[in-house]
Amino acid sequence: MAIVELNLLSGYIPDKASLTALADFGKARLFDIEDGRVIMYFDEFTDTPSCSNVQLNRVFDVENLKPATAKVYDYYDGENQKSIEYDRGALQSDLDNI
């Protein structure tokens, strides 16, 4: 099982419809939203690149917004992981490379 943890940028919330769509189309098994992060559970990841879109909605503006992190890891082997920082300006390009 593979896990994606997306720590949210301050002032942003996830769009639940975009998360539900991931589950409905079989990309994610399920998801949780807790403590300022989204946790998505996948059956597996392969060497073939894939893309899963999660829409984030800004609910209030934050001055001096700090980057957040996105982490992908193997549930059964926590050392097999990769994480990146992302910010509002580089959201799409950074997350495409994880």
PDB file of N, CA and C in Angstrom:
ATOM      1  N   MET A   1       0.856  -1.171   0.000  1.00  0.00           N
ATOM      2  CA  MET A   1       0.000   0.000   0.000  1.00  0.00           C
ATOM      3  C   MET A   1       0.900   1.232   0.000  1.00  0.00           C
ATOM      4  N   ALA A   2       0.523   2.231  -0.759  1.00  0.00           N
ATOM      5  CA  ALA A   2       1.263   3.483  -0.840  1.00  0.00           C
ATOM      6  C   ALA A   2       0.427   4.606  -0.231  1.00  0.00           C
ATOM      7  N   ILE A   3       1.112   5.511   0.432  1.00  0.00           N
ATOM      8  CA  ILE A   3       0.446   6.624   1.109  1.00  0.00           C
ATOM      9  C   ILE A   3       0.991   7.937   0.558  1.00  0.00           C
ATOM     10  N   VAL A   4       0.097   8.890   0.341  1.00  0.00           N
ATOM     11  CA  VAL A   4       0.488  10.262   0.014  1.00  0.00           C
ATOM     12  C   VAL A   4      -0.043  11.145   1.126  1.00  0.00           C
ATOM     13  N   GLU A   5       0.863  11.867   1.782  1.00  0.00           N
ATOM     14  CA  GLU A   5       0.480  12.842   2.806  1.00  0.00           C
ATOM     15  C   GLU A   5       0.735  14.228   2.243  1.00  0.00           C
ATOM     16  N   LEU A   6      -0.309  15.001   2.140  1.00  0.00           N
ATOM     17  CA  LEU A   6      -0.221  16.358   1.631  1.00  0.00           C
ATOM     18  C   LEU A   6      -0.517  17.315   2.776  1.00  0.00           C
ATOM     19  N   ASN A   7       0.530  17.931   3.310  1.00  0.00           N
ATOM     20  CA  ASN A   7       0.335  18.961   4.325  1.00  0.00           C
ATOM     21  C   ASN A   7      -0.151  20.213   3.610  1.00  0.00           C
ATOM     22  N   LEU A   8      -1.198  20.805   4.129  1.00  0.00           N
ATOM     23  CA  LEU A   8      -1.837  21.923   3.443  1.00  0.00           C
ATOM     24  C   LEU A   8      -1.140  23.239   3.737  1.00  0.00           C
ATOM     25  N   LEU A   9      -1.143  24.102   2.737  1.00  0.00           N
ATOM     26  CA  LEU A   9      -0.674  25.465   2.937  1.00  0.00           C
ATOM     27  C   LEU A   9      -1.624  26.175   3.891  1.00  0.00           C
ATOM     28  N   SER A  10      -1.093  27.048   4.720  1.00  0.00           N
ATOM     29  CA  SER A  10      -1.950  27.822   5.629  1.00  0.00           C
ATOM     30  C   SER A  10      -2.965  28.614   4.821  1.00  0.00           C
ATOM     31  N   GLY A  11      -4.209  28.580   5.270  1.00  0.00           N
ATOM     32  CA  GLY A  11      -5.279  29.307   4.593  1.00  0.00           C
ATOM     33  C   GLY A  11      -5.974  28.515   3.500  1.00  0.00           C
ATOM     34  N   TYR A  12      -5.570  27.270   3.275  1.00  0.00           N
ATOM     35  CA  TYR A  12      -6.154  26.434   2.227  1.00  0.00           C
ATOM     36  C   TYR A  12      -6.856  25.223   2.833  1.00  0.00           C
ATOM     37  N   ILE A  13      -7.907  24.789   2.149  1.00  0.00           N
ATOM     38  CA  ILE A  13      -8.594  23.551   2.511  1.00  0.00           C
ATOM     39  C   ILE A  13      -8.723  22.703   1.246  1.00  0.00           C
ATOM     40  N   PRO A  14      -8.786  21.385   1.392  1.00  0.00           N
ATOM     41  CA  PRO A  14      -8.950  20.535   0.207  1.00  0.00           C
ATOM     42  C   PRO A  14     -10.395  20.546  -0.270  1.00  0.00           C
ATOM     43  N   ASP A  15     -10.549  20.442  -1.569  1.00  0.00           N
ATOM     44  CA  ASP A  15     -11.874  20.318  -2.167  1.00  0.00           C
ATOM     45  C   ASP A  15     -12.294  18.848  -2.072  1.00  0.00           C
ATOM     46  N   LYS A  16     -13.292  18.569  -1.260  1.00  0.00           N
ATOM     47  CA  LYS A  16     -13.699  17.176  -1.022  1.00  0.00           C
ATOM     48  C   LYS A  16     -14.177  16.487  -2.294  1.00  0.00           C
ATOM     49  N   ALA A  17     -14.773  17.238  -3.210  1.00  0.00           N
ATOM     50  CA  ALA A  17     -15.244  16.632  -4.461  1.00  0.00           C
ATOM     51  C   ALA A  17     -14.076  16.099  -5.283  1.00  0.00           C
ATOM     52  N   SER A  18     -12.947  16.798  -5.293  1.00  0.00           N
ATOM     53  CA  SER A  18     -11.796  16.302  -6.057  1.00  0.00           C
ATOM     54  C   SER A  18     -11.217  15.048  -5.409  1.00  0.00           C
ATOM     55  N   LEU A  19     -11.267  14.966  -4.084  1.00  0.00           N
ATOM     56  CA  LEU A  19     -10.806  13.756  -3.398  1.00  0.00           C
ATOM     57  C   LEU A  19     -11.757  12.590  -3.637  1.00  0.00           C
ATOM     58  N   THR A  20     -13.044  12.864  -3.591  1.00  0.00           N
ATOM     59  CA  THR A  20     -14.035  11.825  -3.856  1.00  0.00           C
ATOM     60  C   THR A  20     -13.888  11.296  -5.277  1.00  0.00           C
ATOM     61  N   ALA A  21     -13.585  12.184  -6.221  1.00  0.00           N
ATOM     62  CA  ALA A  21     -13.393  11.761  -7.610  1.00  0.00           C
ATOM     63  C   ALA A  21     -12.211  10.802  -7.732  1.00  0.00           C
ATOM     64  N   LEU A  22     -11.136  11.038  -6.983  1.00  0.00           N
ATOM     65  CA  LEU A  22      -9.997  10.110  -7.004  1.00  0.00           C
ATOM     66  C   LEU A  22     -10.433   8.719  -6.562  1.00  0.00           C
ATOM     67  N   ALA A  23     -11.228   8.653  -5.519  1.00  0.00           N
ATOM     68  CA  ALA A  23     -11.712   7.362  -5.020  1.00  0.00           C
ATOM     69  C   ALA A  23     -12.703   6.737  -6.003  1.00  0.00           C
ATOM     70  N   ASP A  24     -13.597   7.553  -6.559  1.00  0.00           N
ATOM     71  CA  ASP A  24     -14.603   7.034  -7.483  1.00  0.00           C
ATOM     72  C   ASP A  24     -13.985   6.456  -8.752  1.00  0.00           C
ATOM     73  N   PHE A  25     -12.886   7.048  -9.218  1.00  0.00           N
ATOM     74  CA  PHE A  25     -12.235   6.575 -10.437  1.00  0.00           C
ATOM     75  C   PHE A  25     -11.165   5.526 -10.151  1.00  0.00           C
ATOM     76  N   GLY A  26     -11.096   5.052  -8.915  1.00  0.00           N
ATOM     77  CA  GLY A  26     -10.193   3.967  -8.583  1.00  0.00           C
ATOM     78  C   GLY A  26      -8.744   4.356  -8.410  1.00  0.00           C
ATOM     79  N   LYS A  27      -8.445   5.647  -8.431  1.00  0.00           N
ATOM     80  CA  LYS A  27      -7.049   6.054  -8.249  1.00  0.00           C
ATOM     81  C   LYS A  27      -6.635   5.916  -6.789  1.00  0.00           C
ATOM     82  N   ALA A  28      -7.467   6.344  -5.883  1.00  0.00           N
ATOM     83  CA  ALA A  28      -7.167   6.227  -4.450  1.00  0.00           C
ATOM     84  C   ALA A  28      -8.180   5.284  -3.820  1.00  0.00           C
ATOM     85  N   ARG A  29      -7.717   4.476  -2.903  1.00  0.00           N
ATOM     86  CA  ARG A  29      -8.631   3.571  -2.202  1.00  0.00           C
ATOM     87  C   ARG A  29      -9.530   4.375  -1.275  1.00  0.00           C
ATOM     88  N   LEU A  30      -8.933   5.269  -0.501  1.00  0.00           N
ATOM     89  CA  LEU A  30      -9.692   6.156   0.377  1.00  0.00           C
ATOM     90  C   LEU A  30      -8.819   7.333   0.770  1.00  0.00           C
ATOM     91  N   PHE A  31      -9.408   8.281   1.479  1.00  0.00           N
ATOM     92  CA  PHE A  31      -8.666   9.457   1.920  1.00  0.00           C
ATOM     93  C   PHE A  31      -9.183   9.901   3.278  1.00  0.00           C
ATOM     94  N   ASP A  32      -8.322  10.584   4.002  1.00  0.00           N
ATOM     95  CA  ASP A  32      -8.673  11.203   5.281  1.00  0.00           C
ATOM     96  C   ASP A  32      -8.219  12.651   5.248  1.00  0.00           C
ATOM     97  N   ILE A  33      -8.985  13.498   5.905  1.00  0.00           N
ATOM     98  CA  ILE A  33      -8.593  14.895   6.094  1.00  0.00           C
ATOM     99  C   ILE A  33      -8.486  15.106   7.594  1.00  0.00           C
ATOM    100  N   GLU A  34      -7.275  15.444   8.051  1.00  0.00           N
ATOM    101  CA  GLU A  34      -7.090  15.617   9.490  1.00  0.00           C
ATOM    102  C   GLU A  34      -5.916  16.541   9.776  1.00  0.00           C
ATOM    103  N   ASP A  35      -6.056  17.361  10.779  1.00  0.00           N
ATOM    104  CA  ASP A  35      -4.971  18.201  11.284  1.00  0.00           C
ATOM    105  C   ASP A  35      -4.198  18.939  10.196  1.00  0.00           C
ATOM    106  N   GLY A  36      -4.897  19.577   9.272  1.00  0.00           N
ATOM    107  CA  GLY A  36      -4.223  20.374   8.253  1.00  0.00           C
ATOM    108  C   GLY A  36      -3.503  19.575   7.188  1.00  0.00           C
ATOM    109  N   ARG A  37      -3.929  18.351   6.968  1.00  0.00           N
ATOM    110  CA  ARG A  37      -3.312  17.543   5.923  1.00  0.00           C
ATOM    111  C   ARG A  37      -4.330  16.577   5.324  1.00  0.00           C
ATOM    112  N   VAL A  38      -4.008  16.136   4.127  1.00  0.00           N
ATOM    113  CA  VAL A  38      -4.804  15.130   3.432  1.00  0.00           C
ATOM    114  C   VAL A  38      -3.946  13.878   3.333  1.00  0.00           C
ATOM    115  N   ILE A  39      -4.510  12.742   3.698  1.00  0.00           N
ATOM    116  CA  ILE A  39      -3.816  11.464   3.582  1.00  0.00           C
ATOM    117  C   ILE A  39      -4.596  10.620   2.581  1.00  0.00           C
ATOM    118  N   MET A  40      -3.914  10.222   1.506  1.00  0.00           N
ATOM    119  CA  MET A  40      -4.543   9.414   0.462  1.00  0.00           C
ATOM    120  C   MET A  40      -3.896   8.034   0.442  1.00  0.00           C
ATOM    121  N   TYR A  41      -4.719   7.006   0.363  1.00  0.00           N
ATOM    122  CA  TYR A  41      -4.259   5.618   0.385  1.00  0.00           C
ATOM    123  C   TYR A  41      -4.448   5.004  -1.001  1.00  0.00           C
ATOM    124  N   PHE A  42      -3.374   4.436  -1.532  1.00  0.00           N
ATOM    125  CA  PHE A  42      -3.389   3.797  -2.842  1.00  0.00           C
ATOM    126  C   PHE A  42      -3.005   2.330  -2.680  1.00  0.00           C
ATOM    127  N   ASP A  43      -3.559   1.458  -3.530  1.00  0.00           N
ATOM    128  CA  ASP A  43      -3.203   0.041  -3.463  1.00  0.00           C
ATOM    129  C   ASP A  43      -1.718  -0.159  -3.711  1.00  0.00           C
ATOM    130  N   GLU A  44      -1.184   0.551  -4.683  1.00  0.00           N
ATOM    131  CA  GLU A  44       0.234   0.437  -4.997  1.00  0.00           C
ATOM    132  C   GLU A  44       0.657   1.572  -5.912  1.00  0.00           C
ATOM    133  N   PHE A  45       1.951   1.760  -6.000  1.00  0.00           N
ATOM    134  CA  PHE A  45       2.544   2.633  -7.001  1.00  0.00           C
ATOM    135  C   PHE A  45       3.463   1.770  -7.845  1.00  0.00           C
ATOM    136  N   THR A  46       3.540   2.092  -9.113  1.00  0.00           N
ATOM    137  CA  THR A  46       4.433   1.374 -10.015  1.00  0.00           C
ATOM    138  C   THR A  46       5.488   2.344 -10.526  1.00  0.00           C
ATOM    139  N   ASP A  47       6.355   1.851 -11.387  1.00  0.00           N
ATOM    140  CA  ASP A  47       7.377   2.708 -11.986  1.00  0.00           C
ATOM    141  C   ASP A  47       6.796   3.614 -13.062  1.00  0.00           C
ATOM    142  N   THR A  48       5.566   3.352 -13.467  1.00  0.00           N
ATOM    143  CA  THR A  48       4.908   4.169 -14.478  1.00  0.00           C
ATOM    144  C   THR A  48       4.382   5.450 -13.842  1.00  0.00           C
ATOM    145  N   PRO A  49       4.791   6.618 -14.364  1.00  0.00           N
ATOM    146  CA  PRO A  49       4.292   7.878 -13.790  1.00  0.00           C
ATOM    147  C   PRO A  49       2.771   7.976 -13.887  1.00  0.00           C
ATOM    148  N   SER A  50       2.168   8.537 -12.873  1.00  0.00           N
ATOM    149  CA  SER A  50       0.730   8.786 -12.888  1.00  0.00           C
ATOM    150  C   SER A  50       0.466  10.119 -12.196  1.00  0.00           C
ATOM    151  N   CYS A  51      -0.695  10.649 -12.440  1.00  0.00           N
ATOM    152  CA  CYS A  51      -1.037  11.959 -11.893  1.00  0.00           C
ATOM    153  C   CYS A  51      -2.385  11.869 -11.181  1.00  0.00           C
ATOM    154  N   SER A  52      -2.451  12.437 -10.004  1.00  0.00           N
ATOM    155  CA  SER A  52      -3.700  12.533  -9.255  1.00  0.00           C
ATOM    156  C   SER A  52      -3.869  13.982  -8.828  1.00  0.00           C
ATOM    157  N   ASN A  53      -4.951  14.584  -9.228  1.00  0.00           N
ATOM    158  CA  ASN A  53      -5.173  16.000  -8.935  1.00  0.00           C
ATOM    159  C   ASN A  53      -6.050  16.178  -7.704  1.00  0.00           C
ATOM    160  N   VAL A  54      -5.603  17.039  -6.820  1.00  0.00           N
ATOM    161  CA  VAL A  54      -6.381  17.431  -5.650  1.00  0.00           C
ATOM    162  C   VAL A  54      -6.490  18.947  -5.689  1.00  0.00           C
ATOM    163  N   GLN A  55      -7.707  19.437  -5.703  1.00  0.00           N
ATOM    164  CA  GLN A  55      -7.913  20.879  -5.726  1.00  0.00           C
ATOM    165  C   GLN A  55      -7.856  21.423  -4.308  1.00  0.00           C
ATOM    166  N   LEU A  56      -7.090  22.503  -4.132  1.00  0.00           N
ATOM    167  CA  LEU A  56      -7.036  23.206  -2.854  1.00  0.00           C
ATOM    168  C   LEU A  56      -7.712  24.552  -3.025  1.00  0.00           C
ATOM    169  N   ASN A  57      -8.565  24.904  -2.090  1.00  0.00           N
ATOM    170  CA  ASN A  57      -9.284  26.174  -2.142  1.00  0.00           C
ATOM    171  C   ASN A  57      -8.775  27.100  -1.043  1.00  0.00           C
ATOM    172  N   ARG A  58      -8.453  28.321  -1.439  1.00  0.00           N
ATOM    173  CA  ARG A  58      -7.999  29.302  -0.455  1.00  0.00           C
ATOM    174  C   ARG A  58      -9.217  29.866   0.266  1.00  0.00           C
ATOM    175  N   VAL A  59      -9.210  29.786   1.589  1.00  0.00           N
ATOM    176  CA  VAL A  59     -10.320  30.305   2.378  1.00  0.00           C
ATOM    177  C   VAL A  59      -9.966  31.631   3.040  1.00  0.00           C
ATOM    178  N   PHE A  60      -8.677  31.900   3.207  1.00  0.00           N
ATOM    179  CA  PHE A  60      -8.235  33.216   3.646  1.00  0.00           C
ATOM    180  C   PHE A  60      -6.789  33.419   3.229  1.00  0.00           C
ATOM    181  N   ASP A  61      -6.430  34.683   3.030  1.00  0.00           N
ATOM    182  CA  ASP A  61      -5.086  35.031   2.585  1.00  0.00           C
ATOM    183  C   ASP A  61      -4.147  35.082   3.781  1.00  0.00           C
ATOM    184  N   VAL A  62      -2.963  34.539   3.611  1.00  0.00           N
ATOM    185  CA  VAL A  62      -1.962  34.505   4.674  1.00  0.00           C
ATOM    186  C   VAL A  62      -0.727  35.250   4.188  1.00  0.00           C
ATOM    187  N   GLU A  63      -0.287  36.234   4.959  1.00  0.00           N
ATOM    188  CA  GLU A  63       0.944  36.939   4.618  1.00  0.00           C
ATOM    189  C   GLU A  63       2.136  36.067   4.968  1.00  0.00           C
ATOM    190  N   ASN A  64       3.204  36.210   4.195  1.00  0.00           N
ATOM    191  CA  ASN A  64       4.437  35.445   4.414  1.00  0.00           C
ATOM    192  C   ASN A  64       4.168  33.942   4.493  1.00  0.00           C
ATOM    193  N   LEU A  65       3.401  33.470   3.537  1.00  0.00           N
ATOM    194  CA  LEU A  65       3.022  32.058   3.483  1.00  0.00           C
ATOM    195  C   LEU A  65       4.261  31.173   3.376  1.00  0.00           C
ATOM    196  N   LYS A  66       4.365  30.209   4.259  1.00  0.00           N
ATOM    197  CA  LYS A  66       5.492  29.277   4.282  1.00  0.00           C
ATOM    198  C   LYS A  66       5.159  28.050   3.431  1.00  0.00           C
ATOM    199  N   PRO A  67       6.183  27.420   2.857  1.00  0.00           N
ATOM    200  CA  PRO A  67       5.940  26.206   2.071  1.00  0.00           C
ATOM    201  C   PRO A  67       5.363  25.085   2.937  1.00  0.00           C
ATOM    202  N   ALA A  68       4.708  24.161   2.281  1.00  0.00           N
ATOM    203  CA  ALA A  68       4.193  22.953   2.924  1.00  0.00           C
ATOM    204  C   ALA A  68       4.888  21.755   2.277  1.00  0.00           C
ATOM    205  N   THR A  69       4.652  20.569   2.799  1.00  0.00           N
ATOM    206  CA  THR A  69       5.310  19.383   2.256  1.00  0.00           C
ATOM    207  C   THR A  69       4.298  18.374   1.728  1.00  0.00           C
ATOM    208  N   ALA A  70       4.757  17.622   0.759  1.00  0.00           N
ATOM    209  CA  ALA A  70       4.025  16.469   0.245  1.00  0.00           C
ATOM    210  C   ALA A  70       4.976  15.286   0.334  1.00  0.00           C
ATOM    211  N   LYS A  71       4.481  14.167   0.848  1.00  0.00           N
ATOM    212  CA  LYS A  71       5.326  12.988   1.039  1.00  0.00           C
ATOM    213  C   LYS A  71       4.613  11.757   0.496  1.00  0.00           C
ATOM    214  N   VAL A  72       5.373  10.924  -0.199  1.00  0.00           N
ATOM    215  CA  VAL A  72       4.889   9.645  -0.712  1.00  0.00           C
ATOM    216  C   VAL A  72       5.728   8.561  -0.056  1.00  0.00           C
ATOM    217  N   TYR A  73       5.060   7.527   0.471  1.00  0.00           N
ATOM    218  CA  TYR A  73       5.833   6.446   1.074  1.00  0.00           C
ATOM    219  C   TYR A  73       5.082   5.122   1.016  1.00  0.00           C
ATOM    220  N   ASP A  74       5.848   4.061   1.175  1.00  0.00           N
ATOM    221  CA  ASP A  74       5.318   2.703   1.219  1.00  0.00           C
ATOM    222  C   ASP A  74       4.851   2.432   2.645  1.00  0.00           C
ATOM    223  N   TYR A  75       3.615   2.049   2.804  1.00  0.00           N
ATOM    224  CA  TYR A  75       3.048   1.805   4.129  1.00  0.00           C
ATOM    225  C   TYR A  75       3.840   0.750   4.894  1.00  0.00           C
ATOM    226  N   TYR A  76       4.312  -0.259   4.186  1.00  0.00           N
ATOM    227  CA  TYR A  76       5.010  -1.372   4.830  1.00  0.00           C
ATOM    228  C   TYR A  76       6.512  -1.154   4.958  1.00  0.00           C
ATOM    229  N   ASP A  77       7.041  -0.143   4.283  1.00  0.00           N
ATOM    230  CA  ASP A  77       8.471   0.155   4.331  1.00  0.00           C
ATOM    231  C   ASP A  77       8.633   1.666   4.364  1.00  0.00           C
ATOM    232  N   GLY A  78       8.519   2.245   5.557  1.00  0.00           N
ATOM    233  CA  GLY A  78       8.546   3.696   5.722  1.00  0.00           C
ATOM    234  C   GLY A  78       9.822   4.361   5.249  1.00  0.00           C
ATOM    235  N   GLU A  79      10.897   3.586   5.068  1.00  0.00           N
ATOM    236  CA  GLU A  79      12.142   4.169   4.574  1.00  0.00           C
ATOM    237  C   GLU A  79      12.099   4.394   3.071  1.00  0.00           C
ATOM    238  N   ASN A  80      11.179   3.754   2.387  1.00  0.00           N
ATOM    239  CA  ASN A  80      10.999   3.940   0.953  1.00  0.00           C
ATOM    240  C   ASN A  80      10.041   5.114   0.764  1.00  0.00           C
ATOM    241  N   GLN A  81      10.603   6.328   0.705  1.00  0.00           N
ATOM    242  CA  GLN A  81       9.774   7.527   0.654  1.00  0.00           C
ATOM    243  C   GLN A  81      10.460   8.647  -0.102  1.00  0.00           C
ATOM    244  N   LYS A  82       9.667   9.623  -0.486  1.00  0.00           N
ATOM    245  CA  LYS A  82      10.168  10.843  -1.107  1.00  0.00           C
ATOM    246  C   LYS A  82       9.261  11.980  -0.665  1.00  0.00           C
ATOM    247  N   SER A  83       9.861  13.123  -0.368  1.00  0.00           N
ATOM    248  CA  SER A  83       9.053  14.285   0.002  1.00  0.00           C
ATOM    249  C   SER A  83       9.615  15.531  -0.664  1.00  0.00           C
ATOM    250  N   ILE A  84       8.738  16.492  -0.848  1.00  0.00           N
ATOM    251  CA  ILE A  84       9.115  17.783  -1.422  1.00  0.00           C
ATOM    252  C   ILE A  84       8.393  18.879  -0.653  1.00  0.00           C
ATOM    253  N   GLU A  85       8.903  20.094  -0.778  1.00  0.00           N
ATOM    254  CA  GLU A  85       8.185  21.276  -0.307  1.00  0.00           C
ATOM    255  C   GLU A  85       7.513  21.914  -1.513  1.00  0.00           C
ATOM    256  N   TYR A  86       6.357  22.482  -1.288  1.00  0.00           N
ATOM    257  CA  TYR A  86       5.675  23.213  -2.352  1.00  0.00           C
ATOM    258  C   TYR A  86       5.119  24.497  -1.769  1.00  0.00           C
ATOM    259  N   ASP A  87       4.892  25.463  -2.650  1.00  0.00           N
ATOM    260  CA  ASP A  87       4.258  26.708  -2.231  1.00  0.00           C
ATOM    261  C   ASP A  87       3.190  27.078  -3.246  1.00  0.00           C
ATOM    262  N   ARG A  88       2.504  28.151  -2.979  1.00  0.00           N
ATOM    263  CA  ARG A  88       1.383  28.564  -3.826  1.00  0.00           C
ATOM    264  C   ARG A  88       1.826  28.812  -5.259  1.00  0.00           C
ATOM    265  N   GLY A  89       2.995  29.415  -5.443  1.00  0.00           N
ATOM    266  CA  GLY A  89       3.455  29.767  -6.784  1.00  0.00           C
ATOM    267  C   GLY A  89       3.946  28.598  -7.611  1.00  0.00           C
ATOM    268  N   ALA A  90       4.374  27.530  -6.968  1.00  0.00           N
ATOM    269  CA  ALA A  90       4.973  26.413  -7.701  1.00  0.00           C
ATOM    270  C   ALA A  90       4.190  25.122  -7.524  1.00  0.00           C
ATOM    271  N   LEU A  91       2.956  25.214  -7.138  1.00  0.00           N
ATOM    272  CA  LEU A  91       2.172  24.029  -6.817  1.00  0.00           C
ATOM    273  C   LEU A  91       2.190  22.987  -7.921  1.00  0.00           C
ATOM    274  N   GLN A  92       1.765  23.328  -9.106  1.00  0.00           N
ATOM    275  CA  GLN A  92       1.630  22.336 -10.170  1.00  0.00           C
ATOM    276  C   GLN A  92       2.971  21.750 -10.582  1.00  0.00           C
ATOM    277  N   SER A  93       3.962  22.577 -10.860  1.00  0.00           N
ATOM    278  CA  SER A  93       5.219  22.044 -11.378  1.00  0.00           C
ATOM    279  C   SER A  93       5.951  21.200 -10.343  1.00  0.00           C
ATOM    280  N   ASP A  94       5.932  21.587  -9.076  1.00  0.00           N
ATOM    281  CA  ASP A  94       6.626  20.820  -8.045  1.00  0.00           C
ATOM    282  C   ASP A  94       5.981  19.467  -7.816  1.00  0.00           C
ATOM    283  N   LEU A  95       4.686  19.431  -7.718  1.00  0.00           N
ATOM    284  CA  LEU A  95       4.018  18.179  -7.391  1.00  0.00           C
ATOM    285  C   LEU A  95       4.048  17.194  -8.547  1.00  0.00           C
ATOM    286  N   ASP A  96       4.249  17.686  -9.768  1.00  0.00           N
ATOM    287  CA  ASP A  96       4.380  16.770 -10.895  1.00  0.00           C
ATOM    288  C   ASP A  96       5.654  15.948 -10.801  1.00  0.00           C
ATOM    289  N   ASN A  97       6.624  16.394 -10.000  1.00  0.00           N
ATOM    290  CA  ASN A  97       7.918  15.722  -9.933  1.00  0.00           C
ATOM    291  C   ASN A  97       8.092  14.831  -8.719  1.00  0.00           C
ATOM    292  N   ILE A  98       7.056  14.578  -7.979  1.00  0.00           N
ATOM    293  CA  ILE A  98       7.204  13.737  -6.788  1.00  0.00           C
ATOM    294  C   ILE A  98       7.062  12.269  -7.146  1.00  0.00           C
TER     295      ILE A  98
END
